């Protein structure tokens, strides 16, 4: 695994990421991109390993700290980039289904993660919603 980047956040934010990754992995496993589903599951496992001290195969080995406790999930850049994409995807889905408060929370968390990634010098992929690429001046 490549070098990880820690982004500190309250556990309630990580819980939102964990739930969004669960949704994304489920949808992608059935209808889509198996590689994306595997990466989403790896993000969930990273949280379990680092935050809940989960031990594979040991039921009840991990428990989440209180919602306001600061946690420090360590993910690869690829995992963080998927996280911002997944938060955007599920915020849009929540808006379509009338869950506007959840959509707002996901967008705020996404914005926080983006700012932390950029502060660490992470360049977003060209052509992404947050880096549309060079402008086409004079065309």
Protein backbone atom coordinates (compact mmCIF):
# COMPACT_ATOMS: atom_id res chain seq x y z
CA UNK A 1 0.00 0.00 0.00
CA UNK A 2 1.27 3.47 -0.77
CA UNK A 3 1.98 6.14 1.81
CA UNK A 4 -1.09 7.29 3.70
CA UNK A 5 -2.34 10.72 4.60
CA UNK A 6 -4.07 11.38 7.93
CA UNK A 7 -7.01 13.78 8.04
CA UNK A 8 -8.28 14.43 11.55
CA UNK A 9 -12.04 14.67 11.98
CA UNK A 10 -14.76 13.95 14.55
CA UNK A 11 -15.99 10.37 14.54
CA UNK A 12 -19.44 11.49 13.34
CA UNK A 13 -17.74 12.55 10.08
CA UNK A 14 -15.99 9.22 9.75
CA UNK A 15 -19.33 7.49 10.34
CA UNK A 16 -20.75 9.38 7.36
CA UNK A 17 -17.80 8.25 5.24
CA UNK A 18 -18.20 4.66 6.41
CA UNK A 19 -21.92 4.63 5.57
CA UNK A 20 -21.34 6.24 2.16
CA UNK A 21 -18.63 3.70 1.35
CA UNK A 22 -20.96 0.88 2.35
CA UNK A 23 -23.62 2.23 -0.03
CA UNK A 24 -21.14 2.73 -2.84
CA UNK A 25 -19.55 -0.70 -2.49
CA UNK A 26 -22.97 -2.34 -2.53
CA UNK A 27 -24.13 -0.52 -5.66
CA UNK A 28 -20.86 -1.02 -7.51
CA UNK A 29 -20.70 -4.71 -6.62
CA UNK A 30 -24.10 -5.32 -8.20
CA UNK A 31 -24.23 -2.81 -11.04
CA UNK A 32 -20.84 -1.47 -11.76
CA UNK A 33 -17.19 -1.19 -11.15
CA UNK A 34 -15.77 -4.02 -9.05
CA UNK A 35 -12.46 -2.20 -8.56
CA UNK A 36 -14.30 0.84 -7.14
CA UNK A 37 -16.29 -1.45 -4.83
CA UNK A 38 -13.07 -3.05 -3.57
CA UNK A 39 -11.48 0.36 -2.94
CA UNK A 40 -14.60 1.50 -1.04
CA UNK A 41 -14.41 -1.63 1.13
CA UNK A 42 -10.71 -0.99 1.77
CA UNK A 43 -11.61 2.47 3.09
CA UNK A 44 -14.13 0.97 5.49
CA UNK A 45 -11.56 -1.61 6.66
CA UNK A 46 -8.98 1.14 7.21
CA UNK A 47 -11.44 2.90 9.50
CA UNK A 48 -12.24 -0.27 11.39
CA UNK A 49 -8.54 -1.07 11.79
CA UNK A 50 -7.49 2.43 12.87
CA UNK A 51 -10.52 3.74 14.72
CA UNK A 52 -12.39 0.75 16.11
CA UNK A 53 -9.29 -1.45 16.43
CA UNK A 54 -11.15 -4.16 14.57
CA UNK A 55 -9.55 -7.56 14.26
CA UNK A 56 -10.69 -9.58 11.23
CA UNK A 57 -12.48 -12.75 12.30
CA UNK A 58 -12.98 -11.59 15.89
CA UNK A 59 -16.62 -10.60 16.40
CA UNK A 60 -17.08 -7.57 18.63
CA UNK A 61 -13.35 -6.80 18.69
CA UNK A 62 -13.82 -3.16 17.78
CA UNK A 63 -16.11 -0.48 19.03
CA UNK A 64 -16.45 3.09 17.87
CA UNK A 65 -15.46 5.94 20.19
CA UNK A 66 -18.01 8.69 21.05
CA UNK A 67 -19.27 10.78 18.06
CA UNK A 68 -17.38 13.95 19.03
CA UNK A 69 -14.03 12.23 19.63
CA UNK A 70 -11.39 13.24 17.11
CA UNK A 71 -10.19 10.36 14.96
CA UNK A 72 -7.25 10.23 12.57
CA UNK A 73 -8.03 7.94 9.67
CA UNK A 74 -5.02 7.26 7.46
CA UNK A 75 -5.86 6.58 3.82
CA UNK A 76 -3.90 6.58 0.59
CA UNK A 77 -4.42 9.47 -1.83
CA UNK A 78 -6.45 7.13 -4.07
CA UNK A 79 -8.70 6.29 -1.12
CA UNK A 80 -9.18 9.97 -0.22
CA UNK A 81 -9.97 10.82 -3.86
CA UNK A 82 -12.62 8.09 -3.94
CA UNK A 83 -13.98 9.43 -0.64
CA UNK A 84 -14.62 12.90 -2.09
CA UNK A 85 -16.20 11.33 -5.18
CA UNK A 86 -18.44 9.07 -3.11
CA UNK A 87 -19.54 11.93 -0.85
CA UNK A 88 -20.50 13.94 -3.94
CA UNK A 89 -22.38 11.00 -5.45
CA UNK A 90 -24.41 10.23 -2.33
CA UNK A 91 -25.10 13.90 -1.54
CA UNK A 92 -26.73 14.17 -4.97
CA UNK A 93 -28.70 10.98 -4.30
CA UNK A 94 -29.84 12.31 -0.93
CA UNK A 95 -31.01 15.54 -2.56
CA UNK A 96 -33.00 13.57 -5.15
CA UNK A 97 -34.72 11.58 -2.39
CA UNK A 98 -35.46 14.58 -0.17
CA UNK A 99 -32.76 13.92 2.45
CA UNK A 100 -31.38 17.44 2.20
CA UNK A 101 -29.81 17.62 5.66
CA UNK A 102 -27.70 14.53 4.97
CA UNK A 103 -26.72 15.96 1.57
CA UNK A 104 -25.54 19.18 3.24
CA UNK A 105 -23.47 17.20 5.77
CA UNK A 106 -21.84 15.17 2.99
CA UNK A 107 -21.00 18.29 0.97
CA UNK A 108 -19.52 20.03 4.02
CA UNK A 109 -17.39 16.99 4.83
CA UNK A 110 -16.31 16.73 1.20
CA UNK A 111 -15.27 20.39 1.22
CA UNK A 112 -13.25 19.84 4.42
CA UNK A 113 -11.44 16.83 2.94
CA UNK A 114 -10.74 18.70 -0.31
CA UNK A 115 -9.21 21.61 1.58
CA UNK A 116 -7.02 19.28 3.65
CA UNK A 117 -5.87 17.40 0.54
CA UNK A 118 -5.01 20.65 -1.22
CA UNK A 119 -3.19 21.91 1.90
CA UNK A 120 -1.03 18.77 1.67
CA UNK A 121 -0.24 19.54 -1.96
CA UNK A 122 -2.47 16.87 -3.45
CA UNK A 123 -3.40 17.76 -7.01
CA UNK A 124 -6.82 16.62 -8.03
CA UNK A 125 -7.10 14.72 -11.30
CA UNK A 126 -7.59 17.01 -14.29
CA UNK A 127 -11.12 16.81 -15.58
CA UNK A 128 -12.61 16.19 -12.14
CA UNK A 129 -15.38 18.45 -10.86
CA UNK A 130 -12.87 20.23 -8.62
CA UNK A 131 -10.16 20.55 -11.29
CA UNK A 132 -11.84 20.98 -14.67
CA UNK A 133 -8.48 21.47 -16.37
CA UNK A 134 -7.06 24.38 -18.31
CA UNK A 135 -9.51 26.99 -19.48
CA UNK A 136 -10.12 27.28 -23.19
CA UNK A 137 -9.42 31.01 -23.56
CA UNK A 138 -9.41 32.30 -27.07
CA UNK A 139 -11.09 29.28 -28.61
